[in-house]
Amino acid sequence: MVYEEYKKSLKNSLRVEVPLVLLFIIGIFFLQTFSFTSAAPTGPDTIGIVSNETSTTLSGYNLNISGGRIATINITTSTQNVRWKAFVGNVTGSFALDDASGSTIYDWSLTTITGEIYATRNSSSISWATLNCSNITTLESENIRMNHTQVNDNITRTFNNGINGSHSSFFVATANILANSCPTLNTYVNNATQDTDFEEIVLYEPAGSNTIYATIMEEDTTGFDNAKYDFQMIVPEIGYQGFSGSTAYYIYVELT
């Protein structure tokens, strides 16, 4: 009698435990088969060029003194830096559920724009999740690639002298870029230096040895010319004397 009750109890416990084990195995299979990923930066749907301008060249200064005299003069001048160029502008975006052909089943318009703008010379695909901060070594390699040999305005000096600057933390796909960990700069606001808005960070892709410039978006923030912008960033151009061409950059956007 005791043996029969033991068999009955064991049979009932198996009825409970086996389904639980099966559910656990099914759950593991589901997680492995349908993994969840964070959206990576993507190329924009469209870019409209509103303006493309540079400063005007000033005429020579008329200096006329009498013969037999010596004039001691102090000259202040500003020369347009053709070794650098800038992108500024505004972003309109939405979150969407699309299929492979781009057909949308539902989307969400954004009342507040947050995220990052990325610029890179690399024309191939980028392994976004592997990005990390640039350092002195990678910045010096970028100087060589772009022929930025002038110590006053090379890439290393421009981005906080190659050391970690003050910037917010952010994600690039699943890569967490910690605050104050990368070479950085702040572009100007209202024609003056500042260290609060328009943070620009230099990132590096180890697999392709590619440099990626990133700026954290600011919504309707006063920019360099007192107009309102969502982003501002500068990128290097080929630096050797006599260069008259232009270098293409590929723009990516990550909305968060």
C-alpha atoms as a PDB file:
ATOM      1  CA  MET A   1       0.000   0.000   0.000  1.00  0.00           C
ATOM      2  CA  VAL A   2       2.805   2.389   0.851  1.00  0.00           C
ATOM      3  CA  TYR A   3       4.613   1.479  -2.388  1.00  0.00           C
ATOM      4  CA  GLU A   4       1.486   2.160  -4.480  1.00  0.00           C
ATOM      5  CA  GLU A   5       1.048   5.608  -2.868  1.00  0.00           C
ATOM      6  CA  TYR A   6       4.738   6.385  -3.551  1.00  0.00           C
ATOM      7  CA  LYS A   7       4.337   5.523  -7.269  1.00  0.00           C
ATOM      8  CA  LYS A   8       1.217   7.655  -7.506  1.00  0.00           C
ATOM      9  CA  SER A   9       2.992  10.635  -5.847  1.00  0.00           C
ATOM     10  CA  LEU A  10       6.030  10.270  -8.141  1.00  0.00           C
ATOM     11  CA  LYS A  11       3.799  10.125 -11.230  1.00  0.00           C
ATOM     12  CA  ASN A  12       1.980  13.323 -10.216  1.00  0.00           C
ATOM     13  CA  SER A  13       5.247  15.199  -9.577  1.00  0.00           C
ATOM     14  CA  LEU A  14       6.551  14.248 -13.038  1.00  0.00           C
ATOM     15  CA  ARG A  15       3.356  15.596 -14.586  1.00  0.00           C
ATOM     16  CA  VAL A  16       4.204  18.976 -13.083  1.00  0.00           C
ATOM     17  CA  GLU A  17       7.972  19.018 -13.597  1.00  0.00           C
ATOM     18  CA  VAL A  18       8.128  17.780 -17.211  1.00  0.00           C
ATOM     19  CA  PRO A  19       5.970  20.609 -18.641  1.00  0.00           C
ATOM     20  CA  LEU A  20       8.046  23.134 -16.683  1.00  0.00           C
ATOM     21  CA  VAL A  21      11.257  21.724 -18.167  1.00  0.00           C
ATOM     22  CA  LEU A  22       9.737  21.801 -21.651  1.00  0.00           C
ATOM     23  CA  LEU A  23       8.660  25.419 -21.165  1.00  0.00           C
ATOM     24  CA  PHE A  24      12.182  26.331 -20.064  1.00  0.00           C
ATOM     25  CA  ILE A  25      13.718  24.664 -23.150  1.00  0.00           C
ATOM     26  CA  ILE A  26      11.191  26.363 -25.446  1.00  0.00           C
ATOM     27  CA  GLY A  27      11.985  29.707 -23.810  1.00  0.00           C
ATOM     28  CA  ILE A  28      15.724  29.279 -24.394  1.00  0.00           C
ATOM     29  CA  PHE A  29      15.043  28.359 -28.033  1.00  0.00           C
ATOM     30  CA  PHE A  30      12.862  31.456 -28.444  1.00  0.00           C
ATOM     31  CA  LEU A  31      15.535  33.762 -27.027  1.00  0.00           C
ATOM     32  CA  GLN A  32      18.226  32.243 -29.246  1.00  0.00           C
ATOM     33  CA  THR A  33      16.077  32.301 -32.367  1.00  0.00           C
ATOM     34  CA  PHE A  34      14.493  35.722 -31.958  1.00  0.00           C
ATOM     35  CA  SER A  35      17.269  37.864 -30.463  1.00  0.00           C
ATOM     36  CA  PHE A  36      16.551  41.470 -29.645  1.00  0.00           C
ATOM     37  CA  THR A  37      18.884  44.118 -31.059  1.00  0.00           C
ATOM     38  CA  SER A  38      19.173  47.864 -30.793  1.00  0.00           C
ATOM     39  CA  ALA A  39      18.673  49.889 -33.965  1.00  0.00           C
ATOM     40  CA  ALA A  40      21.971  50.978 -35.507  1.00  0.00           C
ATOM     41  CA  PRO A  41      22.638  54.343 -37.168  1.00  0.00           C
ATOM     42  CA  THR A  42      21.211  54.524 -40.662  1.00  0.00           C
ATOM     43  CA  GLY A  43      21.581  56.729 -43.690  1.00  0.00           C
ATOM     44  CA  PRO A  44      18.946  59.495 -43.900  1.00  0.00           C
ATOM     45  CA  ASP A  45      16.014  59.213 -46.309  1.00  0.00           C
ATOM     46  CA  THR A  46      16.823  62.610 -47.808  1.00  0.00           C
ATOM     47  CA  ILE A  47      19.223  65.513 -47.320  1.00  0.00           C
ATOM     48  CA  GLY A  48      18.354  68.976 -48.589  1.00  0.00           C
ATOM     49  CA  ILE A  49      21.252  71.396 -48.961  1.00  0.00           C
ATOM     50  CA  VAL A  50      19.938  74.779 -47.813  1.00  0.00           C
ATOM     51  CA  SER A  51      23.202  76.678 -48.287  1.00  0.00           C
ATOM     52  CA  ASN A  52      26.873  76.061 -49.033  1.00  0.00           C
ATOM     53  CA  GLU A  53      28.930  79.168 -48.328  1.00  0.00           C
ATOM     54  CA  THR A  54      32.335  80.482 -47.346  1.00  0.00           C
ATOM     55  CA  SER A  55      33.740  83.795 -46.193  1.00  0.00           C
ATOM     56  CA  THR A  56      34.577  86.561 -48.636  1.00  0.00           C
ATOM     57  CA  THR A  57      38.166  87.577 -49.266  1.00  0.00           C
ATOM     58  CA  LEU A  58      38.936  91.065 -47.989  1.00  0.00           C
ATOM     59  CA  SER A  59      40.598  93.630 -50.235  1.00  0.00           C
ATOM     60  CA  GLY A  60      44.134  94.765 -49.511  1.00  0.00           C
ATOM     61  CA  TYR A  61      44.464  97.433 -46.809  1.00  0.00           C
ATOM     62  CA  ASN A  62      45.404 100.864 -48.145  1.00  0.00           C
ATOM     63  CA  LEU A  63      48.525 101.938 -46.261  1.00  0.00           C
ATOM     64  CA  ASN A  64      50.011 105.255 -47.380  1.00  0.00           C
ATOM     65  CA  ILE A  65      52.866 106.936 -45.505  1.00  0.00           C
ATOM     66  CA  SER A  66      55.232 109.709 -46.541  1.00  0.00           C
ATOM     67  CA  GLY A  67      58.632 108.947 -48.001  1.00  0.00           C
ATOM     68  CA  GLY A  68      61.490 108.848 -45.542  1.00  0.00           C
ATOM     69  CA  ARG A  69      59.310 107.536 -42.698  1.00  0.00           C
ATOM     70  CA  ILE A  70      59.211 104.116 -40.992  1.00  0.00           C
ATOM     71  CA  ALA A  71      55.781 102.807 -39.966  1.00  0.00           C
ATOM     72  CA  THR A  72      55.546 100.232 -37.192  1.00  0.00           C
ATOM     73  CA  ILE A  73      52.267  98.366 -37.624  1.00  0.00           C
ATOM     74  CA  ASN A  74      50.438  95.550 -35.832  1.00  0.00           C
ATOM     75  CA  ILE A  75      48.332  93.346 -38.086  1.00  0.00           C
ATOM     76  CA  THR A  76      45.385  91.170 -37.026  1.00  0.00           C
ATOM     77  CA  THR A  77      44.007  88.789 -39.619  1.00  0.00           C
ATOM     78  CA  SER A  78      41.850  85.684 -39.944  1.00  0.00           C
ATOM     79  CA  THR A  79      42.430  83.218 -42.771  1.00  0.00           C
ATOM     80  CA  GLN A  80      39.737  80.822 -43.911  1.00  0.00           C
ATOM     81  CA  ASN A  81      40.854  77.324 -42.881  1.00  0.00           C
ATOM     82  CA  VAL A  82      40.477  75.135 -45.975  1.00  0.00           C
ATOM     83  CA  ARG A  83      41.734  72.106 -44.036  1.00  0.00           C
ATOM     84  CA  TRP A  84      38.375  71.884 -42.247  1.00  0.00           C
ATOM     85  CA  LYS A  85      34.701  72.076 -43.223  1.00  0.00           C
ATOM     86  CA  ALA A  86      31.421  72.042 -41.310  1.00  0.00           C
ATOM     87  CA  PHE A  87      27.934  70.561 -41.423  1.00  0.00           C
ATOM     88  CA  VAL A  88      25.085  72.280 -39.559  1.00  0.00           C
ATOM     89  CA  GLY A  89      21.331  71.845 -39.788  1.00  0.00           C
ATOM     90  CA  ASN A  90      18.073  70.458 -38.483  1.00  0.00           C
ATOM     91  CA  VAL A  91      16.562  66.981 -38.345  1.00  0.00           C
ATOM     92  CA  THR A  92      12.999  65.790 -38.890  1.00  0.00           C
ATOM     93  CA  GLY A  93      12.350  62.148 -38.106  1.00  0.00           C
ATOM     94  CA  SER A  94      10.085  59.371 -36.924  1.00  0.00           C
ATOM     95  CA  PHE A  95      10.184  55.855 -35.518  1.00  0.00           C
ATOM     96  CA  ALA A  96       8.737  53.348 -37.969  1.00  0.00           C
ATOM     97  CA  LEU A  97       7.983  49.645 -38.431  1.00  0.00           C
ATOM     98  CA  ASP A  98       9.031  48.864 -42.015  1.00  0.00           C
ATOM     99  CA  ASP A  99       9.543  45.727 -44.060  1.00  0.00           C
ATOM    100  CA  ALA A 100      12.524  45.039 -46.344  1.00  0.00           C
ATOM    101  CA  SER A 101      10.967  47.048 -49.185  1.00  0.00           C
ATOM    102  CA  GLY A 102      10.438  50.108 -46.977  1.00  0.00           C
ATOM    103  CA  SER A 103       6.669  49.698 -46.632  1.00  0.00           C
ATOM    104  CA  THR A 104       5.482  51.028 -43.261  1.00  0.00           C
ATOM    105  CA  ILE A 105       2.875  49.312 -41.118  1.00  0.00           C
ATOM    106  CA  TYR A 106       2.968  52.035 -38.454  1.00  0.00           C
ATOM    107  CA  ASP A 107       5.133  54.981 -37.468  1.00  0.00           C
ATOM    108  CA  TRP A 108       5.482  57.498 -34.671  1.00  0.00           C
ATOM    109  CA  SER A 109       6.249  61.148 -35.423  1.00  0.00           C
ATOM    110  CA  LEU A 110       8.748  62.679 -32.992  1.00  0.00           C
ATOM    111  CA  THR A 111       7.907  65.796 -31.038  1.00  0.00           C
ATOM    112  CA  THR A 112      11.449  65.945 -29.642  1.00  0.00           C
ATOM    113  CA  ILE A 113      14.537  65.046 -31.651  1.00  0.00           C
ATOM    114  CA  THR A 114      17.334  63.270 -29.759  1.00  0.00           C
ATOM    115  CA  GLY A 115      20.226  61.143 -30.956  1.00  0.00           C
ATOM    116  CA  GLU A 116      23.422  61.573 -32.910  1.00  0.00           C
ATOM    117  CA  ILE A 117      24.689  62.526 -36.363  1.00  0.00           C
ATOM    118  CA  TYR A 118      27.700  60.600 -37.689  1.00  0.00           C
ATOM    119  CA  ALA A 119      30.093  61.472 -40.517  1.00  0.00           C
ATOM    120  CA  THR A 120      32.736  59.171 -41.979  1.00  0.00           C
ATOM    121  CA  ARG A 121      34.783  58.885 -45.158  1.00  0.00           C
ATOM    122  CA  ASN A 122      34.263  55.124 -45.130  1.00  0.00           C
ATOM    123  CA  SER A 123      31.946  54.140 -47.995  1.00  0.00           C
ATOM    124  CA  SER A 124      31.429  50.525 -46.872  1.00  0.00           C
ATOM    125  CA  SER A 125      29.291  49.162 -44.060  1.00  0.00           C
ATOM    126  CA  ILE A 126      30.295  49.976 -40.497  1.00  0.00           C
ATOM    127  CA  SER A 127      30.342  47.611 -37.541  1.00  0.00           C
ATOM    128  CA  TRP A 128      28.578  50.082 -35.267  1.00  0.00           C
ATOM    129  CA  ALA A 129      28.515  47.915 -32.153  1.00  0.00           C
ATOM    130  CA  THR A 130      32.334  47.698 -32.136  1.00  0.00           C
ATOM    131  CA  LEU A 131      32.950  51.458 -32.099  1.00  0.00           C
ATOM    132  CA  ASN A 132      34.974  52.937 -29.275  1.00  0.00           C
ATOM    133  CA  CYS A 133      36.768  56.177 -28.485  1.00  0.00           C
ATOM    134  CA  SER A 134      39.656  57.394 -30.567  1.00  0.00           C
ATOM    135  CA  ASN A 135      42.950  58.006 -28.791  1.00  0.00           C
ATOM    136  CA  ILE A 136      46.265  59.718 -29.500  1.00  0.00           C
ATOM    137  CA  THR A 137      47.435  56.845 -31.715  1.00  0.00           C
ATOM    138  CA  THR A 138      44.302  56.726 -33.890  1.00  0.00           C
ATOM    139  CA  LEU A 139      44.103  60.524 -34.125  1.00  0.00           C
ATOM    140  CA  GLU A 140      47.714  60.708 -35.285  1.00  0.00           C
ATOM    141  CA  SER A 141      46.920  58.059 -37.909  1.00  0.00           C
ATOM    142  CA  GLU A 142      44.031  60.253 -39.064  1.00  0.00           C
ATOM    143  CA  ASN A 143      46.428  63.200 -39.288  1.00  0.00           C
ATOM    144  CA  ILE A 144      48.616  61.161 -41.631  1.00  0.00           C
ATOM    145  CA  ARG A 145      45.689  60.061 -43.806  1.00  0.00           C
ATOM    146  CA  MET A 146      44.438  63.631 -44.166  1.00  0.00           C
ATOM    147  CA  ASN A 147      47.908  65.213 -44.355  1.00  0.00           C
ATOM    148  CA  HIS A 148      47.178  67.412 -41.337  1.00  0.00           C
ATOM    149  CA  THR A 149      50.749  68.346 -40.537  1.00  0.00           C
ATOM    150  CA  GLN A 150      50.150  71.819 -39.065  1.00  0.00           C
ATOM    151  CA  VAL A 151      50.476  71.558 -35.286  1.00  0.00           C
ATOM    152  CA  ASN A 152      48.182  74.556 -34.761  1.00  0.00           C
ATOM    153  CA  ASP A 153      45.078  72.999 -36.317  1.00  0.00           C
ATOM    154  CA  ASN A 154      45.678  69.294 -36.834  1.00  0.00           C
ATOM    155  CA  ILE A 155      43.073  66.760 -35.723  1.00  0.00           C
ATOM    156  CA  THR A 156      44.847  65.851 -32.501  1.00  0.00           C
ATOM    157  CA  ARG A 157      45.074  69.472 -31.350  1.00  0.00           C
ATOM    158  CA  THR A 158      41.544  70.343 -32.482  1.00  0.00           C
ATOM    159  CA  PHE A 159      39.866  67.592 -30.472  1.00  0.00           C
ATOM    160  CA  ASN A 160      40.936  68.521 -26.967  1.00  0.00           C
ATOM    161  CA  ASN A 161      44.615  67.919 -27.707  1.00  0.00           C
ATOM    162  CA  GLY A 162      43.850  64.226 -28.138  1.00  0.00           C
ATOM    163  CA  ILE A 163      42.741  63.638 -24.554  1.00  0.00           C
ATOM    164  CA  ASN A 164      39.334  62.828 -23.125  1.00  0.00           C
ATOM    165  CA  GLY A 165      37.046  65.832 -23.198  1.00  0.00           C
ATOM    166  CA  SER A 166      33.802  66.710 -21.467  1.00  0.00           C
ATOM    167  CA  HIS A 167      30.819  65.083 -23.204  1.00  0.00           C
ATOM    168  CA  SER A 168      27.622  63.227 -22.382  1.00  0.00           C
ATOM    169  CA  SER A 169      27.289  59.454 -22.493  1.00  0.00           C
ATOM    170  CA  PHE A 170      25.435  57.907 -25.433  1.00  0.00           C
ATOM    171  CA  PHE A 171      24.894  54.622 -27.260  1.00  0.00           C
ATOM    172  CA  VAL A 172      26.037  53.757 -30.783  1.00  0.00           C
ATOM    173  CA  ALA A 173      23.755  50.815 -31.576  1.00  0.00           C
ATOM    174  CA  THR A 174      24.576  48.556 -28.574  1.00  0.00           C
ATOM    175  CA  ALA A 175      27.964  50.168 -27.802  1.00  0.00           C
ATOM    176  CA  ASN A 176      27.886  52.353 -24.700  1.00  0.00           C
ATOM    177  CA  ILE A 177      30.155  55.387 -25.059  1.00  0.00           C
ATOM    178  CA  LEU A 178      30.826  56.531 -21.521  1.00  0.00           C
ATOM    179  CA  ALA A 179      30.759  60.188 -20.558  1.00  0.00           C
ATOM    180  CA  ASN A 180      34.034  62.125 -20.781  1.00  0.00           C
ATOM    181  CA  SER A 181      35.868  59.183 -22.374  1.00  0.00           C
ATOM    182  CA  CYS A 182      36.611  60.404 -25.929  1.00  0.00           C
ATOM    183  CA  PRO A 183      38.483  63.271 -27.617  1.00  0.00           C
ATOM    184  CA  THR A 184      35.871  65.989 -28.095  1.00  0.00           C
ATOM    185  CA  LEU A 185      35.163  69.624 -28.889  1.00  0.00           C
ATOM    186  CA  ASN A 186      32.249  72.051 -28.709  1.00  0.00           C
ATOM    187  CA  THR A 187      31.524  74.091 -31.822  1.00  0.00           C
ATOM    188  CA  TYR A 188      30.715  77.755 -31.261  1.00  0.00           C
ATOM    189  CA  VAL A 189      27.462  79.413 -30.228  1.00  0.00           C
ATOM    190  CA  ASN A 190      26.735  82.979 -31.358  1.00  0.00           C
ATOM    191  CA  ASN A 191      30.238  83.364 -32.785  1.00  0.00           C
ATOM    192  CA  ALA A 192      31.925  82.533 -29.463  1.00  0.00           C
ATOM    193  CA  THR A 193      33.503  79.572 -27.719  1.00  0.00           C
ATOM    194  CA  GLN A 194      31.430  77.568 -25.233  1.00  0.00           C
ATOM    195  CA  ASP A 195      31.549  74.163 -23.544  1.00  0.00           C
ATOM    196  CA  THR A 196      27.898  73.224 -23.040  1.00  0.00           C
ATOM    197  CA  ASP A 197      26.163  72.551 -26.367  1.00  0.00           C
ATOM    198  CA  PHE A 198      26.989  70.871 -29.685  1.00  0.00           C
ATOM    199  CA  GLU A 199      29.417  68.253 -28.387  1.00  0.00           C
ATOM    200  CA  GLU A 200      31.406  66.496 -31.104  1.00  0.00           C
ATOM    201  CA  ILE A 201      33.237  63.248 -30.390  1.00  0.00           C
ATOM    202  CA  VAL A 202      35.801  61.223 -32.378  1.00  0.00           C
ATOM    203  CA  LEU A 203      35.093  57.480 -32.535  1.00  0.00           C
ATOM    204  CA  TYR A 204      37.075  54.628 -34.061  1.00  0.00           C
ATOM    205  CA  GLU A 205      36.122  51.344 -35.743  1.00  0.00           C
ATOM    206  CA  PRO A 206      38.896  48.815 -35.006  1.00  0.00           C
ATOM    207  CA  ALA A 207      37.969  46.304 -37.733  1.00  0.00           C
ATOM    208  CA  GLY A 208      38.251  48.768 -40.597  1.00  0.00           C
ATOM    209  CA  SER A 209      40.596  51.277 -38.946  1.00  0.00           C
ATOM    210  CA  ASN A 210      37.962  53.924 -39.703  1.00  0.00           C
ATOM    211  CA  THR A 211      37.436  57.245 -37.962  1.00  0.00           C
ATOM    212  CA  ILE A 212      33.835  58.324 -37.329  1.00  0.00           C
ATOM    213  CA  TYR A 213      32.929  61.840 -36.197  1.00  0.00           C
ATOM    214  CA  ALA A 214      29.806  62.047 -34.031  1.00  0.00           C
ATOM    215  CA  THR A 215      27.816  64.972 -32.699  1.00  0.00           C
ATOM    216  CA  ILE A 216      25.042  64.769 -30.134  1.00  0.00           C
ATOM    217  CA  MET A 217      21.884  66.448 -31.384  1.00  0.00           C
ATOM    218  CA  GLU A 218      20.456  69.520 -29.661  1.00  0.00           C
ATOM    219  CA  GLU A 219      16.891  70.516 -30.539  1.00  0.00           C
ATOM    220  CA  ASP A 220      16.431  74.114 -31.748  1.00  0.00           C
ATOM    221  CA  THR A 221      19.557  75.369 -30.007  1.00  0.00           C
ATOM    222  CA  THR A 222      21.240  78.655 -30.847  1.00  0.00           C
ATOM    223  CA  GLY A 223      24.160  77.913 -33.135  1.00  0.00           C
ATOM    224  CA  PHE A 224      27.325  79.554 -34.403  1.00  0.00           C
ATOM    225  CA  ASP A 225      25.497  82.329 -36.305  1.00  0.00           C
ATOM    226  CA  ASN A 226      22.688  82.890 -33.767  1.00  0.00           C
ATOM    227  CA  ALA A 227      20.267  80.767 -35.819  1.00  0.00           C
ATOM    228  CA  LYS A 228      18.563  77.662 -34.368  1.00  0.00           C
ATOM    229  CA  TYR A 229      20.023  74.239 -35.222  1.00  0.00           C
ATOM    230  CA  ASP A 230      19.729  70.619 -34.130  1.00  0.00           C
ATOM    231  CA  PHE A 231      23.377  69.822 -34.850  1.00  0.00           C
ATOM    232  CA  GLN A 232      26.748  71.335 -35.732  1.00  0.00           C
ATOM    233  CA  MET A 233      29.975  69.505 -36.559  1.00  0.00           C
ATOM    234  CA  ILE A 234      33.329  70.015 -38.242  1.00  0.00           C
ATOM    235  CA  VAL A 235      35.310  67.413 -40.192  1.00  0.00           C
ATOM    236  CA  PRO A 236      38.798  67.491 -41.710  1.00  0.00           C
ATOM    237  CA  GLU A 237      39.561  68.059 -45.398  1.00  0.00           C
ATOM    238  CA  ILE A 238      42.763  67.019 -47.192  1.00  0.00           C
ATOM    239  CA  GLY A 239      45.443  69.282 -45.749  1.00  0.00           C
ATOM    240  CA  TYR A 240      48.305  69.451 -48.202  1.00  0.00           C
ATOM    241  CA  GLN A 241      49.012  72.717 -50.000  1.00  0.00           C
ATOM    242  CA  GLY A 242      47.702  72.922 -53.524  1.00  0.00           C
ATOM    243  CA  PHE A 243      44.793  70.528 -52.932  1.00  0.00           C
ATOM    244  CA  SER A 244      41.765  71.902 -54.767  1.00  0.00           C
ATOM    245  CA  GLY A 245      39.307  68.994 -54.620  1.00  0.00           C
ATOM    246  CA  SER A 246      36.876  67.866 -51.948  1.00  0.00           C
ATOM    247  CA  THR A 247      36.490  64.755 -49.821  1.00  0.00           C
ATOM    248  CA  ALA A 248      33.092  63.039 -49.549  1.00  0.00           C
ATOM    249  CA  TYR A 249      31.663  62.175 -46.145  1.00  0.00           C
ATOM    250  CA  TYR A 250      28.849  59.686 -45.565  1.00  0.00           C
ATOM    251  CA  ILE A 251      26.191  60.891 -43.116  1.00  0.00           C
ATOM    252  CA  TYR A 252      24.322  58.615 -40.719  1.00  0.00           C
ATOM    253  CA  VAL A 253      21.582  59.376 -38.197  1.00  0.00           C
ATOM    254  CA  GLU A 254      20.644  57.570 -34.999  1.00  0.00           C
ATOM    255  CA  LEU A 255      17.373  58.635 -33.374  1.00  0.00           C
ATOM    256  CA  THR A 256      16.877  57.669 -29.744  1.00  0.00           C
END
